[in-house]
């Protein structure tokens, strides 16, 4: 009779990670090997059972050798994909004041309120959204969309409404034309 030798990896996967693999990905069984004194199991490649599998494909390989020097190899692959969208978190809508030159420029740093993801991500402003404002925009409200894209192609966005006001030190002024009287 043989003894099945196995170990479980499921507790080591990142939350919300989807595991796609052959039936042996979660548990490795060495069913074909008869248990004998001196049986030695060596992992020859891959991650140890205490390690977290990264996004991508990992192959774990093992060699079992008995006291007589007979050996058998076994391997399995684990594929981890990131299909979790980042969390886009924008600041509240706000009023922006034009500077002394009558200009206000919005950036991702101004719009972002600690957006997050389970991996690296980039912030950008939606193509076509106005990011630079001047005296002609005074009193108007513009919607600007912050986009959050992670390195695996997942994305989310949020909107901020920005109302443009003339700042105290800006050079925007209404020119009144008066007719001279004689």
Protein backbone atom coordinates (compact mmCIF):
# COMPACT_ATOMS: atom_id res chain seq x y z
CA UNK A 1 0.00 0.00 0.00
CA UNK A 2 1.02 3.53 -0.70
CA UNK A 3 0.57 6.70 1.26
CA UNK A 4 -0.48 9.94 -0.38
CA UNK A 5 1.83 12.79 0.51
CA UNK A 6 0.46 16.27 -0.02
CA UNK A 7 0.36 19.86 1.11
CA UNK A 8 -2.13 22.66 0.77
CA UNK A 9 -1.32 26.12 -0.65
CA UNK A 10 -4.75 27.74 -0.58
CA UNK A 11 -4.16 29.83 2.56
CA UNK A 12 -1.22 31.56 0.91
CA UNK A 13 -3.00 33.20 -2.00
CA UNK A 14 -3.70 36.93 -1.91
CA UNK A 15 -7.31 37.83 -1.23
CA UNK A 16 -9.40 38.32 -4.37
CA UNK A 17 -6.78 36.59 -6.52
CA UNK A 18 -8.24 34.10 -8.95
CA UNK A 19 -6.40 30.78 -9.15
CA UNK A 20 -6.49 29.12 -12.57
CA UNK A 21 -4.62 25.84 -13.01
CA UNK A 22 -4.81 22.12 -13.49
CA UNK A 23 -6.49 20.02 -10.76
CA UNK A 24 -3.18 19.62 -8.90
CA UNK A 25 -2.67 23.37 -8.35
CA UNK A 26 -4.25 23.42 -4.90
CA UNK A 27 -2.94 20.17 -3.57
CA UNK A 28 0.00 18.04 -4.70
CA UNK A 29 -0.42 14.31 -4.31
CA UNK A 30 2.40 11.92 -4.85
CA UNK A 31 0.05 8.93 -5.05
CA UNK A 32 2.20 6.82 -7.33
CA UNK A 33 5.11 6.60 -4.92
CA UNK A 34 5.18 3.76 -2.42
CA UNK A 35 6.12 4.93 1.07
CA UNK A 36 9.42 3.45 2.24
CA UNK A 37 11.95 4.17 4.94
CA UNK A 38 14.38 6.82 3.74
CA UNK A 39 11.98 8.50 1.30
CA UNK A 40 13.25 12.00 0.59
CA UNK A 41 11.16 14.80 -0.99
CA UNK A 42 13.16 17.70 -2.48
CA UNK A 43 11.68 20.79 -4.06
CA UNK A 44 13.79 21.57 -7.13
CA UNK A 45 12.06 24.79 -8.27
CA UNK A 46 9.17 27.10 -7.48
CA UNK A 47 7.87 28.59 -4.27
CA UNK A 48 7.85 26.97 -0.84
CA UNK A 49 4.49 26.22 0.75
CA UNK A 50 4.83 29.24 3.07
CA UNK A 51 5.27 31.75 0.23
CA UNK A 52 2.64 33.85 -1.55
CA UNK A 53 2.32 33.16 -5.26
CA UNK A 54 2.77 36.33 -7.35
CA UNK A 55 0.60 37.36 -10.27
CA UNK A 56 1.66 35.23 -13.23
CA UNK A 57 2.58 31.57 -13.74
CA UNK A 58 4.70 29.69 -11.20
CA UNK A 59 5.82 26.09 -11.69
CA UNK A 60 6.77 24.03 -8.63
CA UNK A 61 8.83 20.89 -9.24
CA UNK A 62 9.71 18.09 -6.82
CA UNK A 63 11.88 14.98 -6.83
CA UNK A 64 11.18 12.05 -4.52
CA UNK A 65 14.03 9.63 -3.91
CA UNK A 66 13.90 6.38 -1.93
CA UNK A 67 16.66 4.70 0.06
CA UNK A 68 17.62 2.60 -2.99
CA UNK A 69 18.19 5.73 -5.13
CA UNK A 70 15.02 5.38 -7.20
CA UNK A 71 13.43 8.73 -7.95
CA UNK A 72 10.35 10.26 -9.48
CA UNK A 73 9.60 13.84 -10.51
CA UNK A 74 6.35 15.72 -10.16
CA UNK A 75 5.36 19.29 -10.96
CA UNK A 76 2.37 21.59 -11.01
CA UNK A 77 1.72 25.13 -12.18
CA UNK A 78 -0.22 27.87 -10.44
CA UNK A 79 -1.55 30.82 -12.43
CA UNK A 80 -2.59 33.89 -10.46
CA UNK A 81 -4.38 36.69 -12.28
CA UNK A 82 -5.24 40.18 -11.04
CA UNK A 83 -8.80 41.00 -12.06
CA UNK A 84 -9.50 43.41 -9.22
CA UNK A 85 -10.16 47.01 -10.26
CA UNK A 86 -8.26 49.74 -8.43
CA UNK A 87 -10.22 52.04 -6.12
CA UNK A 88 -10.40 55.56 -7.54
CA UNK A 89 -10.82 58.01 -4.68
CA UNK A 90 -11.23 61.69 -5.58
CA UNK A 91 -11.32 64.79 -3.43
CA UNK A 92 -14.66 66.51 -3.00
CA UNK A 93 -15.83 69.04 -5.59
CA UNK A 94 -14.10 72.38 -5.00
CA UNK A 95 -13.66 75.98 -6.08
CA UNK A 96 -10.28 76.91 -7.56
CA UNK A 97 -8.91 80.43 -7.56
CA UNK A 98 -6.92 81.75 -10.49
CA UNK A 99 -3.35 82.81 -9.65
CA UNK A 100 -1.76 86.23 -10.20
CA UNK A 101 -1.41 85.44 -13.90
CA UNK A 102 -5.08 84.45 -14.17
CA UNK A 103 -4.25 80.74 -14.50
CA UNK A 104 -5.21 77.57 -12.58
CA UNK A 105 -3.86 74.14 -13.55
CA UNK A 106 -5.27 70.92 -12.12
CA UNK A 107 -3.08 67.81 -11.70
CA UNK A 108 -3.66 64.22 -10.62
CA UNK A 109 -2.09 65.08 -7.25
CA UNK A 110 -4.79 67.72 -6.68
CA UNK A 111 -7.64 65.35 -7.64
CA UNK A 112 -6.42 62.17 -5.90
CA UNK A 113 -7.56 61.37 -2.37
CA UNK A 114 -5.50 58.20 -1.75
CA UNK A 115 -6.64 55.98 -4.62
CA UNK A 116 -5.43 52.41 -4.13
CA UNK A 117 -4.94 48.98 -5.65
CA UNK A 118 -3.43 45.61 -4.79
CA UNK A 119 -0.50 46.29 -7.17
CA UNK A 120 1.26 49.20 -8.87
CA UNK A 121 -0.98 51.73 -10.60
CA UNK A 122 -0.86 55.00 -12.52
CA UNK A 123 -3.01 58.11 -12.20
CA UNK A 124 -4.06 60.21 -15.18
CA UNK A 125 -6.67 62.75 -16.16
CA UNK A 126 -9.11 61.57 -18.80
CA UNK A 127 -8.07 62.55 -22.31
CA UNK A 128 -9.99 65.58 -23.49
CA UNK A 129 -10.71 66.96 -20.02
CA UNK A 130 -9.68 70.58 -19.50
CA UNK A 131 -6.80 70.89 -17.02
CA UNK A 132 -5.74 74.52 -17.49
CA UNK A 133 -8.12 77.36 -16.75
CA UNK A 134 -7.94 81.14 -17.23
CA UNK A 135 -9.95 84.33 -16.82
CA UNK A 136 -12.40 83.29 -19.56
CA UNK A 137 -13.42 80.32 -17.37
CA UNK A 138 -14.31 82.42 -14.32
CA UNK A 139 -17.64 81.46 -12.79
CA UNK A 140 -17.90 78.21 -14.79
CA UNK A 141 -17.85 74.68 -13.42
CA UNK A 142 -15.88 71.91 -15.16
CA UNK A 143 -15.97 68.16 -14.53
CA UNK A 144 -12.52 66.55 -14.54
CA UNK A 145 -12.17 62.74 -14.42
CA UNK A 146 -9.31 61.06 -12.55
CA UNK A 147 -8.43 57.65 -14.04
CA UNK A 148 -6.65 54.91 -12.07
CA UNK A 149 -5.08 52.13 -14.19
CA UNK A 150 -3.10 49.23 -12.73
CA UNK A 151 -0.26 47.41 -14.45
CA UNK A 152 -2.55 44.46 -15.32
CA UNK A 153 -5.09 46.50 -17.30
CA UNK A 154 -7.74 47.02 -14.59
CA UNK A 155 -9.10 50.52 -14.16
CA UNK A 156 -11.59 52.78 -12.42
CA UNK A 157 -12.31 56.50 -12.31
CA UNK A 158 -14.00 59.26 -10.35
CA UNK A 159 -15.15 62.79 -11.18
CA UNK A 160 -14.48 66.14 -9.54
CA UNK A 161 -16.45 69.30 -10.33
CA UNK A 162 -14.18 72.36 -10.22
CA UNK A 163 -15.67 75.86 -10.16
CA UNK A 164 -13.26 78.55 -11.33
CA UNK A 165 -13.15 81.86 -9.44
CA UNK A 166 -11.00 84.92 -9.84
CA UNK A 167 -8.35 84.87 -7.13
CA UNK A 168 -7.69 87.87 -4.91
CA UNK A 169 -4.36 88.51 -6.61
CA UNK A 170 -5.28 87.58 -10.16
CA UNK A 171 -5.12 90.04 -13.01
CA UNK A 172 -8.57 89.21 -14.31
CA UNK A 173 -10.76 92.22 -14.24
CA UNK A 174 -13.87 93.44 -15.90
CA UNK A 175 -13.14 96.48 -17.98
CA UNK A 176 -15.94 98.93 -17.89
CA UNK A 177 -16.22 101.21 -20.90
CA UNK A 178 -17.82 104.51 -20.12
CA UNK A 179 -18.72 107.18 -22.58
CA UNK A 180 -17.11 110.48 -21.94
CA UNK A 181 -19.46 113.35 -21.56
CA UNK A 182 -18.60 116.80 -22.62
